[in-house]
Amino acid sequence: MKKSSAAFTLGALTLAMALSATPIRAQAISAPIIVKSSNPNTNPKSEWLKGEVIYADAHSIIVRQRDNERMIHTFTIAPALKGRMQAIVDSGGYQYGDKVKILHQHGQTVALKVSGKPSKPS
């Protein structure tokens, strides 16, 4: 009988605490929030990626990294480079396995420059 009485008391106490709980209030802000912005004049660092072509056309290129064959990157071609890439595609284009180097900005997927000799079409 003591167990049921203790369980009832515990349940009643839990219910009373749940009903009497006060809502949590938001903290008052006493100082203005300071936001530090990055300098928009700094250019991101450009880097070269050495890779092997999986697929390439005048608008995009998909390459596999040479030193890590599991890393596959897709780049869109920069507008300044599209004319040159179209000329390469017209003459046969890059084929699967061609070795290329791609200049791109760190963290971006736009190819600024593509260097490498396209293989002869078969």
Protein backbone atom coordinates (compact mmCIF):
# COMPACT_ATOMS: atom_id res chain seq x y z
CA MET A 1 0.00 0.00 0.00
CA LYS A 2 2.92 2.33 0.68
CA LYS A 3 4.19 1.96 -2.90
CA SER A 4 0.93 3.15 -4.47
CA SER A 5 0.70 6.04 -2.01
CA ALA A 6 4.27 7.12 -2.79
CA ALA A 7 3.62 6.82 -6.55
CA PHE A 8 0.44 8.91 -6.22
CA THR A 9 2.28 11.58 -4.23
CA LEU A 10 5.13 11.67 -6.75
CA GLY A 11 2.67 11.95 -9.66
CA ALA A 12 0.71 14.72 -7.94
CA LEU A 13 3.93 16.60 -7.18
CA THR A 14 5.10 16.29 -10.82
CA LEU A 15 1.72 17.52 -12.11
CA ALA A 16 1.77 20.48 -9.70
CA MET A 17 5.28 21.46 -10.80
CA ALA A 18 4.35 21.23 -14.50
CA LEU A 19 1.29 23.42 -14.06
CA SER A 20 3.08 26.02 -11.96
CA ALA A 21 6.08 26.40 -14.26
CA THR A 22 6.63 29.95 -15.41
CA PRO A 23 7.46 30.69 -19.05
CA ILE A 24 11.06 31.54 -19.85
CA ARG A 25 11.55 35.16 -20.85
CA ALA A 26 13.97 36.39 -23.50
CA GLN A 27 17.13 38.07 -22.32
CA ALA A 28 17.22 41.84 -22.51
CA ILE A 29 19.86 43.24 -24.85
CA SER A 30 21.73 46.08 -23.25
CA ALA A 31 24.41 46.65 -25.90
CA PRO A 32 24.12 46.88 -29.68
CA ILE A 33 25.16 43.87 -31.73
CA ILE A 34 28.44 44.39 -33.55
CA VAL A 35 28.78 42.69 -36.92
CA LYS A 36 32.24 42.41 -38.41
CA SER A 37 32.10 42.33 -42.19
CA SER A 38 34.82 41.03 -44.42
CA ASN A 39 36.66 43.37 -46.74
CA PRO A 40 34.94 43.13 -50.15
CA ASN A 41 38.10 44.31 -51.94
CA THR A 42 40.12 41.21 -51.12
CA ASN A 43 40.10 38.67 -53.92
CA PRO A 44 39.85 34.99 -53.08
CA LYS A 45 43.01 33.05 -53.76
CA SER A 46 43.14 31.31 -57.13
CA GLU A 47 44.46 27.78 -57.30
CA TRP A 48 45.26 25.19 -59.94
CA LEU A 49 43.64 21.77 -59.98
CA LYS A 50 45.36 18.95 -61.84
CA GLY A 51 42.85 16.48 -63.17
CA GLU A 52 41.77 14.04 -65.84
CA VAL A 53 38.76 14.85 -67.99
CA ILE A 54 35.62 12.79 -67.51
CA TYR A 55 33.39 15.00 -69.68
CA ALA A 56 33.85 18.39 -71.30
CA ASP A 57 31.80 20.69 -73.50
CA ALA A 58 31.72 24.43 -74.20
CA HIS A 59 29.80 25.22 -70.99
CA SER A 60 31.20 22.85 -68.35
CA ILE A 61 33.96 20.39 -67.58
CA ILE A 62 33.95 17.43 -65.20
CA VAL A 63 37.35 16.25 -63.99
CA ARG A 64 38.77 13.67 -61.61
CA GLN A 65 41.57 14.89 -59.37
CA ARG A 66 44.90 13.29 -60.30
CA ASP A 67 46.19 12.77 -56.78
CA ASN A 68 42.83 11.54 -55.38
CA GLU A 69 40.84 9.60 -57.95
CA ARG A 70 37.71 9.59 -55.78
CA MET A 71 37.41 13.40 -55.92
CA ILE A 72 35.36 14.52 -58.90
CA HIS A 73 34.86 18.23 -59.62
CA THR A 74 32.40 19.94 -61.95
CA PHE A 75 33.30 23.40 -63.22
CA THR A 76 31.31 25.84 -65.31
CA ILE A 77 33.33 27.75 -67.86
CA ALA A 78 33.87 31.47 -67.24
CA PRO A 79 32.28 33.75 -69.87
CA ALA A 80 35.72 35.00 -70.96
CA LEU A 81 36.78 31.40 -71.67
CA LYS A 82 33.66 30.18 -73.53
CA GLY A 83 34.86 31.22 -77.00
CA ARG A 84 38.14 29.33 -76.59
CA MET A 85 36.33 26.26 -75.20
CA GLN A 86 33.88 26.31 -78.12
CA ALA A 87 36.82 26.35 -80.54
CA ILE A 88 38.36 23.36 -78.74
CA VAL A 89 35.02 21.48 -78.82
CA ASP A 90 34.63 22.25 -82.54
CA SER A 91 38.04 20.74 -83.23
CA GLY A 92 37.28 17.53 -81.33
CA GLY A 93 37.33 18.71 -77.72
CA TYR A 94 38.75 17.16 -74.59
CA GLN A 95 38.24 13.40 -74.44
CA TYR A 96 37.94 11.07 -71.46
CA GLY A 97 41.32 10.73 -69.75
CA ASP A 98 42.94 13.91 -71.12
CA LYS A 99 45.17 15.57 -68.53
CA VAL A 100 44.24 19.20 -67.78
CA LYS A 101 44.98 21.91 -65.25
CA ILE A 102 42.11 24.18 -64.22
CA LEU A 103 42.55 27.59 -62.59
CA HIS A 104 39.69 28.42 -60.23
CA GLN A 105 39.10 30.52 -57.14
CA HIS A 106 39.18 28.67 -53.85
CA GLY A 107 35.67 27.52 -52.94
CA GLN A 108 34.20 28.37 -56.36
CA THR A 109 33.22 26.12 -59.26
CA VAL A 110 33.94 28.48 -62.15
CA ALA A 111 36.93 27.58 -64.32
CA LEU A 112 38.91 30.73 -65.08
CA LYS A 113 41.49 29.01 -67.26
CA VAL A 114 41.88 25.50 -68.66
CA SER A 115 45.24 24.30 -69.88
CA GLY A 116 46.09 20.96 -71.35
CA LYS A 117 46.36 19.44 -74.78
CA PRO A 118 43.16 17.89 -76.09
CA SER A 119 43.63 14.46 -77.64
CA LYS A 120 42.99 13.90 -81.32
CA PRO A 121 39.45 12.71 -82.11
CA SER A 122 39.21 9.14 -83.33
